[in-house]
Amino acid sequence: MCMVSVDIPNEVLYDTHMSNAEAADFARKMVALGYYTQNQLSIGYCAKIAGLSEEDFIVFLGRHGIGIFDRLTEEELMRDIANA
């Protein structure tokens, strides 16, 4: 897996009351969310990036107002079901 580094000012961590680990977790989840909402990666890949199971990533999407069936064509949905 590739490692990407992001510099976050200490003031941001202080203002958000986040530890380094919490900020890293937040960043991973937001990157995964971005990839998914831009239709760049599958739920499976995004879940791996976010450090979540696919089921937990789907719940995470729901908490952010993103439905998984809104983005799939009927063909894509049938393919995903066949690959499950």
PDB file of N, CA and C in Angstrom:
ATOM      1  N   MET A   1       0.853  -1.180   0.000  1.00  0.00           N
ATOM      2  CA  MET A   1       0.000   0.000   0.000  1.00  0.00           C
ATOM      3  C   MET A   1       0.895   1.238   0.000  1.00  0.00           C
ATOM      4  N   CYS A   2       0.467   2.267  -0.674  1.00  0.00           N
ATOM      5  CA  CYS A   2       1.195   3.526  -0.783  1.00  0.00           C
ATOM      6  C   CYS A   2       0.951   4.384   0.458  1.00  0.00           C
ATOM      7  N   MET A   3       1.972   5.099   0.890  1.00  0.00           N
ATOM      8  CA  MET A   3       1.846   6.003   2.029  1.00  0.00           C
ATOM      9  C   MET A   3       1.880   7.433   1.504  1.00  0.00           C
ATOM     10  N   VAL A   4       0.897   8.238   1.897  1.00  0.00           N
ATOM     11  CA  VAL A   4       0.821   9.641   1.508  1.00  0.00           C
ATOM     12  C   VAL A   4       0.885  10.471   2.778  1.00  0.00           C
ATOM     13  N   SER A   5       1.648  11.539   2.742  1.00  0.00           N
ATOM     14  CA  SER A   5       1.814  12.399   3.912  1.00  0.00           C
ATOM     15  C   SER A   5       1.143  13.748   3.669  1.00  0.00           C
ATOM     16  N   VAL A   6       0.444  14.242   4.687  1.00  0.00           N
ATOM     17  CA  VAL A   6      -0.223  15.537   4.606  1.00  0.00           C
ATOM     18  C   VAL A   6       0.212  16.363   5.808  1.00  0.00           C
ATOM     19  N   ASP A   7       0.648  17.577   5.559  1.00  0.00           N
ATOM     20  CA  ASP A   7       1.016  18.475   6.652  1.00  0.00           C
ATOM     21  C   ASP A   7      -0.221  19.221   7.134  1.00  0.00           C
ATOM     22  N   ILE A   8      -0.485  19.113   8.421  1.00  0.00           N
ATOM     23  CA  ILE A   8      -1.615  19.806   9.037  1.00  0.00           C
ATOM     24  C   ILE A   8      -1.052  20.687  10.142  1.00  0.00           C
ATOM     25  N   PRO A   9      -1.346  21.975  10.103  1.00  0.00           N
ATOM     26  CA  PRO A   9      -0.826  22.865  11.139  1.00  0.00           C
ATOM     27  C   PRO A   9      -1.266  22.414  12.536  1.00  0.00           C
ATOM     28  N   ASN A  10      -0.377  22.555  13.485  1.00  0.00           N
ATOM     29  CA  ASN A  10      -0.689  22.187  14.871  1.00  0.00           C
ATOM     30  C   ASN A  10      -1.930  22.905  15.382  1.00  0.00           C
ATOM     31  N   GLU A  11      -2.134  24.136  14.911  1.00  0.00           N
ATOM     32  CA  GLU A  11      -3.298  24.905  15.351  1.00  0.00           C
ATOM     33  C   GLU A  11      -4.612  24.215  14.955  1.00  0.00           C
ATOM     34  N   VAL A  12      -4.610  23.564  13.802  1.00  0.00           N
ATOM     35  CA  VAL A  12      -5.814  22.855  13.356  1.00  0.00           C
ATOM     36  C   VAL A  12      -6.118  21.705  14.308  1.00  0.00           C
ATOM     37  N   LEU A  13      -5.095  20.946  14.659  1.00  0.00           N
ATOM     38  CA  LEU A  13      -5.298  19.848  15.603  1.00  0.00           C
ATOM     39  C   LEU A  13      -5.763  20.382  16.954  1.00  0.00           C
ATOM     40  N   TYR A  14      -5.187  21.478  17.372  1.00  0.00           N
ATOM     41  CA  TYR A  14      -5.590  22.076  18.647  1.00  0.00           C
ATOM     42  C   TYR A  14      -7.050  22.535  18.583  1.00  0.00           C
ATOM     43  N   ASP A  15      -7.404  23.255  17.518  1.00  0.00           N
ATOM     44  CA  ASP A  15      -8.765  23.795  17.390  1.00  0.00           C
ATOM     45  C   ASP A  15      -9.824  22.704  17.244  1.00  0.00           C
ATOM     46  N   THR A  16      -9.459  21.589  16.619  1.00  0.00           N
ATOM     47  CA  THR A  16     -10.419  20.497  16.420  1.00  0.00           C
ATOM     48  C   THR A  16     -10.359  19.460  17.538  1.00  0.00           C
ATOM     49  N   HIS A  17      -9.439  19.654  18.462  1.00  0.00           N
ATOM     50  CA  HIS A  17      -9.255  18.721  19.586  1.00  0.00           C
ATOM     51  C   HIS A  17      -8.960  17.306  19.096  1.00  0.00           C
ATOM     52  N   MET A  18      -8.179  17.208  18.019  1.00  0.00           N
ATOM     53  CA  MET A  18      -7.815  15.906  17.457  1.00  0.00           C
ATOM     54  C   MET A  18      -6.369  15.574  17.780  1.00  0.00           C
ATOM     55  N   SER A  19      -6.141  14.296  18.035  1.00  0.00           N
ATOM     56  CA  SER A  19      -4.770  13.805  18.144  1.00  0.00           C
ATOM     57  C   SER A  19      -4.252  13.551  16.730  1.00  0.00           C
ATOM     58  N   ASN A  20      -2.968  13.268  16.612  1.00  0.00           N
ATOM     59  CA  ASN A  20      -2.411  12.941  15.296  1.00  0.00           C
ATOM     60  C   ASN A  20      -3.120  11.726  14.706  1.00  0.00           C
ATOM     61  N   ALA A  21      -3.373  10.721  15.528  1.00  0.00           N
ATOM     62  CA  ALA A  21      -4.039   9.501  15.055  1.00  0.00           C
ATOM     63  C   ALA A  21      -5.462   9.798  14.595  1.00  0.00           C
ATOM     64  N   GLU A  22      -6.175  10.637  15.324  1.00  0.00           N
ATOM     65  CA  GLU A  22      -7.543  11.000  14.936  1.00  0.00           C
ATOM     66  C   GLU A  22      -7.551  11.789  13.628  1.00  0.00           C
ATOM     67  N   ALA A  23      -6.578  12.682  13.465  1.00  0.00           N
ATOM     68  CA  ALA A  23      -6.486  13.461  12.231  1.00  0.00           C
ATOM     69  C   ALA A  23      -6.161  12.554  11.046  1.00  0.00           C
ATOM     70  N   ALA A  24      -5.276  11.583  11.247  1.00  0.00           N
ATOM     71  CA  ALA A  24      -4.940  10.640  10.177  1.00  0.00           C
ATOM     72  C   ALA A  24      -6.159   9.805   9.801  1.00  0.00           C
ATOM     73  N   ASP A  25      -6.914   9.357  10.796  1.00  0.00           N
ATOM     74  CA  ASP A  25      -8.130   8.579  10.553  1.00  0.00           C
ATOM     75  C   ASP A  25      -9.155   9.412   9.787  1.00  0.00           C
ATOM     76  N   PHE A  26      -9.327  10.658  10.208  1.00  0.00           N
ATOM     77  CA  PHE A  26     -10.250  11.575   9.540  1.00  0.00           C
ATOM     78  C   PHE A  26      -9.835  11.780   8.084  1.00  0.00           C
ATOM     79  N   ALA A  27      -8.543  12.006   7.858  1.00  0.00           N
ATOM     80  CA  ALA A  27      -8.042  12.241   6.499  1.00  0.00           C
ATOM     81  C   ALA A  27      -8.272  11.023   5.611  1.00  0.00           C
ATOM     82  N   ARG A  28      -7.982   9.823   6.131  1.00  0.00           N
ATOM     83  CA  ARG A  28      -8.210   8.601   5.345  1.00  0.00           C
ATOM     84  C   ARG A  28      -9.671   8.473   4.939  1.00  0.00           C
ATOM     85  N   LYS A  29     -10.560   8.717   5.886  1.00  0.00           N
ATOM     86  CA  LYS A  29     -11.992   8.590   5.597  1.00  0.00           C
ATOM     87  C   LYS A  29     -12.459   9.638   4.591  1.00  0.00           C
ATOM     88  N   MET A  30     -11.956  10.848   4.702  1.00  0.00           N
ATOM     89  CA  MET A  30     -12.372  11.899   3.772  1.00  0.00           C
ATOM     90  C   MET A  30     -11.819  11.664   2.370  1.00  0.00           C
ATOM     91  N   VAL A  31     -10.605  11.138   2.273  1.00  0.00           N
ATOM     92  CA  VAL A  31     -10.052  10.793   0.959  1.00  0.00           C
ATOM     93  C   VAL A  31     -10.908   9.704   0.319  1.00  0.00           C
ATOM     94  N   ALA A  32     -11.252   8.687   1.091  1.00  0.00           N
ATOM     95  CA  ALA A  32     -12.104   7.606   0.580  1.00  0.00           C
ATOM     96  C   ALA A  32     -13.463   8.147   0.153  1.00  0.00           C
ATOM     97  N   LEU A  33     -14.028   9.026   0.961  1.00  0.00           N
ATOM     98  CA  LEU A  33     -15.318   9.637   0.636  1.00  0.00           C
ATOM     99  C   LEU A  33     -15.222  10.414  -0.678  1.00  0.00           C
ATOM    100  N   GLY A  34     -14.152  11.157  -0.851  1.00  0.00           N
ATOM    101  CA  GLY A  34     -13.944  11.918  -2.082  1.00  0.00           C
ATOM    102  C   GLY A  34     -13.830  11.025  -3.303  1.00  0.00           C
ATOM    103  N   TYR A  35     -13.031   9.974  -3.190  1.00  0.00           N
ATOM    104  CA  TYR A  35     -12.908   9.034  -4.308  1.00  0.00           C
ATOM    105  C   TYR A  35     -14.264   8.430  -4.658  1.00  0.00           C
ATOM    106  N   TYR A  36     -15.033   8.057  -3.640  1.00  0.00           N
ATOM    107  CA  TYR A  36     -16.326   7.422  -3.900  1.00  0.00           C
ATOM    108  C   TYR A  36     -17.311   8.403  -4.531  1.00  0.00           C
ATOM    109  N   THR A  37     -17.410   9.608  -3.984  1.00  0.00           N
ATOM    110  CA  THR A  37     -18.396  10.563  -4.496  1.00  0.00           C
ATOM    111  C   THR A  37     -18.051  11.051  -5.901  1.00  0.00           C
ATOM    112  N   GLN A  38     -16.792  10.942  -6.283  1.00  0.00           N
ATOM    113  CA  GLN A  38     -16.393  11.319  -7.640  1.00  0.00           C
ATOM    114  C   GLN A  38     -16.389  10.120  -8.591  1.00  0.00           C
ATOM    115  N   ASN A  39     -16.951   9.006  -8.113  1.00  0.00           N
ATOM    116  CA  ASN A  39     -17.049   7.778  -8.922  1.00  0.00           C
ATOM    117  C   ASN A  39     -15.698   7.304  -9.441  1.00  0.00           C
ATOM    118  N   GLN A  40     -14.654   7.474  -8.638  1.00  0.00           N
ATOM    119  CA  GLN A  40     -13.324   7.057  -9.066  1.00  0.00           C
ATOM    120  C   GLN A  40     -12.965   5.657  -8.591  1.00  0.00           C
ATOM    121  N   LEU A  41     -13.522   5.232  -7.456  1.00  0.00           N
ATOM    122  CA  LEU A  41     -13.193   3.917  -6.909  1.00  0.00           C
ATOM    123  C   LEU A  41     -14.438   3.232  -6.382  1.00  0.00           C
ATOM    124  N   SER A  42     -14.351   1.924  -6.274  1.00  0.00           N
ATOM    125  CA  SER A  42     -15.460   1.123  -5.759  1.00  0.00           C
ATOM    126  C   SER A  42     -15.584   1.264  -4.243  1.00  0.00           C
ATOM    127  N   ILE A  43     -16.698   0.793  -3.735  1.00  0.00           N
ATOM    128  CA  ILE A  43     -16.897   0.777  -2.286  1.00  0.00           C
ATOM    129  C   ILE A  43     -15.797  -0.037  -1.614  1.00  0.00           C
ATOM    130  N   GLY A  44     -15.427  -1.155  -2.221  1.00  0.00           N
ATOM    131  CA  GLY A  44     -14.392  -2.015  -1.637  1.00  0.00           C
ATOM    132  C   GLY A  44     -13.063  -1.311  -1.475  1.00  0.00           C
ATOM    133  N   TYR A  45     -12.602  -0.649  -2.537  1.00  0.00           N
ATOM    134  CA  TYR A  45     -11.335   0.077  -2.449  1.00  0.00           C
ATOM    135  C   TYR A  45     -11.435   1.244  -1.471  1.00  0.00           C
ATOM    136  N   CYS A  46     -12.540   1.956  -1.519  1.00  0.00           N
ATOM    137  CA  CYS A  46     -12.711   3.094  -0.612  1.00  0.00           C
ATOM    138  C   CYS A  46     -12.752   2.633   0.839  1.00  0.00           C
ATOM    139  N   ALA A  47     -13.387   1.500   1.085  1.00  0.00           N
ATOM    140  CA  ALA A  47     -13.427   0.957   2.444  1.00  0.00           C
ATOM    141  C   ALA A  47     -12.015   0.653   2.932  1.00  0.00           C
ATOM    142  N   LYS A  48     -11.179   0.074   2.063  1.00  0.00           N
ATOM    143  CA  LYS A  48      -9.791  -0.218   2.443  1.00  0.00           C
ATOM    144  C   LYS A  48      -9.040   1.062   2.777  1.00  0.00           C
ATOM    145  N   ILE A  49      -9.205   2.081   1.948  1.00  0.00           N
ATOM    146  CA  ILE A  49      -8.533   3.361   2.203  1.00  0.00           C
ATOM    147  C   ILE A  49      -8.984   3.930   3.545  1.00  0.00           C
ATOM    148  N   ALA A  50     -10.283   3.844   3.819  1.00  0.00           N
ATOM    149  CA  ALA A  50     -10.840   4.401   5.054  1.00  0.00           C
ATOM    150  C   ALA A  50     -10.504   3.563   6.278  1.00  0.00           C
ATOM    151  N   GLY A  51     -10.008   2.353   6.071  1.00  0.00           N
ATOM    152  CA  GLY A  51      -9.710   1.474   7.197  1.00  0.00           C
ATOM    153  C   GLY A  51     -10.965   0.868   7.807  1.00  0.00           C
ATOM    154  N   LEU A  52     -11.990   0.678   6.980  1.00  0.00           N
ATOM    155  CA  LEU A  52     -13.276   0.154   7.439  1.00  0.00           C
ATOM    156  C   LEU A  52     -13.644  -1.090   6.636  1.00  0.00           C
ATOM    157  N   SER A  53     -14.549  -1.887   7.199  1.00  0.00           N
ATOM    158  CA  SER A  53     -15.133  -2.967   6.410  1.00  0.00           C
ATOM    159  C   SER A  53     -16.057  -2.322   5.376  1.00  0.00           C
ATOM    160  N   GLU A  54     -16.440  -3.073   4.362  1.00  0.00           N
ATOM    161  CA  GLU A  54     -17.363  -2.521   3.364  1.00  0.00           C
ATOM    162  C   GLU A  54     -18.681  -2.121   4.020  1.00  0.00           C
ATOM    163  N   GLU A  55     -19.161  -2.955   4.923  1.00  0.00           N
ATOM    164  CA  GLU A  55     -20.413  -2.645   5.619  1.00  0.00           C
ATOM    165  C   GLU A  55     -20.292  -1.347   6.413  1.00  0.00           C
ATOM    166  N   ASP A  56     -19.192  -1.192   7.142  1.00  0.00           N
ATOM    167  CA  ASP A  56     -19.002   0.031   7.927  1.00  0.00           C
ATOM    168  C   ASP A  56     -18.823   1.252   7.028  1.00  0.00           C
ATOM    169  N   PHE A  57     -18.195   1.067   5.863  1.00  0.00           N
ATOM    170  CA  PHE A  57     -18.041   2.187   4.940  1.00  0.00           C
ATOM    171  C   PHE A  57     -19.393   2.617   4.388  1.00  0.00           C
ATOM    172  N   ILE A  58     -20.264   1.663   4.114  1.00  0.00           N
ATOM    173  CA  ILE A  58     -21.610   1.990   3.643  1.00  0.00           C
ATOM    174  C   ILE A  58     -22.363   2.773   4.711  1.00  0.00           C
ATOM    175  N   VAL A  59     -22.212   2.373   5.973  1.00  0.00           N
ATOM    176  CA  VAL A  59     -22.831   3.119   7.082  1.00  0.00           C
ATOM    177  C   VAL A  59     -22.236   4.528   7.143  1.00  0.00           C
ATOM    178  N   PHE A  60     -20.920   4.636   6.994  1.00  0.00           N
ATOM    179  CA  PHE A  60     -20.230   5.926   6.982  1.00  0.00           C
ATOM    180  C   PHE A  60     -20.780   6.821   5.872  1.00  0.00           C
ATOM    181  N   LEU A  61     -20.976   6.243   4.685  1.00  0.00           N
ATOM    182  CA  LEU A  61     -21.556   7.013   3.583  1.00  0.00           C
ATOM    183  C   LEU A  61     -22.941   7.522   3.956  1.00  0.00           C
ATOM    184  N   GLY A  62     -23.751   6.656   4.540  1.00  0.00           N
ATOM    185  CA  GLY A  62     -25.102   7.045   4.947  1.00  0.00           C
ATOM    186  C   GLY A  62     -25.101   8.183   5.943  1.00  0.00           C
ATOM    187  N   ARG A  63     -24.149   8.159   6.866  1.00  0.00           N
ATOM    188  CA  ARG A  63     -24.046   9.237   7.863  1.00  0.00           C
ATOM    189  C   ARG A  63     -23.697  10.570   7.214  1.00  0.00           C
ATOM    190  N   HIS A  64     -23.125  10.492   6.020  1.00  0.00           N
ATOM    191  CA  HIS A  64     -22.772  11.704   5.279  1.00  0.00           C
ATOM    192  C   HIS A  64     -23.774  11.995   4.164  1.00  0.00           C
ATOM    193  N   GLY A  65     -24.929  11.346   4.238  1.00  0.00           N
ATOM    194  CA  GLY A  65     -26.005  11.624   3.290  1.00  0.00           C
ATOM    195  C   GLY A  65     -25.788  11.076   1.894  1.00  0.00           C
ATOM    196  N   ILE A  66     -24.950  10.064   1.772  1.00  0.00           N
ATOM    197  CA  ILE A  66     -24.640   9.504   0.462  1.00  0.00           C
ATOM    198  C   ILE A  66     -25.227   8.099   0.377  1.00  0.00           C
ATOM    199  N   GLY A  67     -26.128   7.911  -0.560  1.00  0.00           N
ATOM    200  CA  GLY A  67     -26.722   6.601  -0.787  1.00  0.00           C
ATOM    201  C   GLY A  67     -25.917   5.819  -1.806  1.00  0.00           C
ATOM    202  N   ILE A  68     -25.779   4.529  -1.587  1.00  0.00           N
ATOM    203  CA  ILE A  68     -24.959   3.737  -2.512  1.00  0.00           C
ATOM    204  C   ILE A  68     -25.701   3.382  -3.790  1.00  0.00           C
ATOM    205  N   PHE A  69     -27.020   3.336  -3.753  1.00  0.00           N
ATOM    206  CA  PHE A  69     -27.761   2.943  -4.942  1.00  0.00           C
ATOM    207  C   PHE A  69     -28.017   4.118  -5.878  1.00  0.00           C
ATOM    208  N   ASP A  70     -27.806   5.330  -5.402  1.00  0.00           N
ATOM    209  CA  ASP A  70     -28.010   6.514  -6.231  1.00  0.00           C
ATOM    210  C   ASP A  70     -26.980   6.607  -7.349  1.00  0.00           C
ATOM    211  N   ARG A  71     -25.829   6.013  -7.158  1.00  0.00           N
ATOM    212  CA  ARG A  71     -24.715   6.178  -8.078  1.00  0.00           C
ATOM    213  C   ARG A  71     -24.585   5.051  -9.091  1.00  0.00           C
ATOM    214  N   LEU A  72     -25.321   3.987  -8.898  1.00  0.00           N
ATOM    215  CA  LEU A  72     -25.165   2.829  -9.762  1.00  0.00           C
ATOM    216  C   LEU A  72     -26.232   2.779 -10.847  1.00  0.00           C
ATOM    217  N   THR A  73     -25.788   2.443 -12.041  1.00  0.00           N
ATOM    218  CA  THR A  73     -26.758   2.128 -13.078  1.00  0.00           C
ATOM    219  C   THR A  73     -27.279   0.723 -12.792  1.00  0.00           C
ATOM    220  N   GLU A  74     -28.344   0.335 -13.450  1.00  0.00           N
ATOM    221  CA  GLU A  74     -28.879  -1.015 -13.243  1.00  0.00           C
ATOM    222  C   GLU A  74     -27.826  -2.068 -13.591  1.00  0.00           C
ATOM    223  N   GLU A  75     -27.078  -1.833 -14.653  1.00  0.00           N
ATOM    224  CA  GLU A  75     -26.028  -2.775 -15.066  1.00  0.00           C
ATOM    225  C   GLU A  75     -24.947  -2.904 -13.993  1.00  0.00           C
ATOM    226  N   GLU A  76     -24.515  -1.771 -13.438  1.00  0.00           N
ATOM    227  CA  GLU A  76     -23.493  -1.800 -12.393  1.00  0.00           C
ATOM    228  C   GLU A  76     -24.004  -2.512 -11.147  1.00  0.00           C
ATOM    229  N   LEU A  77     -25.251  -2.258 -10.786  1.00  0.00           N
ATOM    230  CA  LEU A  77     -25.838  -2.909  -9.621  1.00  0.00           C
ATOM    231  C   LEU A  77     -25.879  -4.419  -9.818  1.00  0.00           C
ATOM    232  N   MET A  78     -26.302  -4.870 -10.986  1.00  0.00           N
ATOM    233  CA  MET A  78     -26.371  -6.305 -11.258  1.00  0.00           C
ATOM    234  C   MET A  78     -24.973  -6.935 -11.250  1.00  0.00           C
ATOM    235  N   ARG A  79     -23.986  -6.223 -11.773  1.00  0.00           N
ATOM    236  CA  ARG A  79     -22.609  -6.720 -11.755  1.00  0.00           C
ATOM    237  C   ARG A  79     -22.099  -6.822 -10.325  1.00  0.00           C
ATOM    238  N   ASP A  80     -22.375  -5.809  -9.500  1.00  0.00           N
ATOM    239  CA  ASP A  80     -21.953  -5.848  -8.098  1.00  0.00           C
ATOM    240  C   ASP A  80     -22.612  -7.003  -7.358  1.00  0.00           C
ATOM    241  N   ILE A  81     -23.883  -7.235  -7.626  1.00  0.00           N
ATOM    242  CA  ILE A  81     -24.584  -8.346  -6.978  1.00  0.00           C
ATOM    243  C   ILE A  81     -23.965  -9.673  -7.413  1.00  0.00           C
ATOM    244  N   ALA A  82     -23.650  -9.796  -8.691  1.00  0.00           N
ATOM    245  CA  ALA A  82     -23.045 -11.029  -9.205  1.00  0.00           C
ATOM    246  C   ALA A  82     -21.663 -11.269  -8.614  1.00  0.00           C
ATOM    247  N   ASN A  83     -20.931 -10.194  -8.315  1.00  0.00           N
ATOM    248  CA  ASN A  83     -19.577 -10.312  -7.768  1.00  0.00           C
ATOM    249  C   ASN A  83     -19.552 -10.439  -6.254  1.00  0.00           C
ATOM    250  N   ALA A  84     -20.696 -10.306  -5.615  1.00  0.00           N
ATOM    251  CA  ALA A  84     -20.739 -10.348  -4.142  1.00  0.00           C
ATOM    252  C   ALA A  84     -20.468 -11.739  -3.620  1.00  0.00           C
TER     253      ALA A  84
END
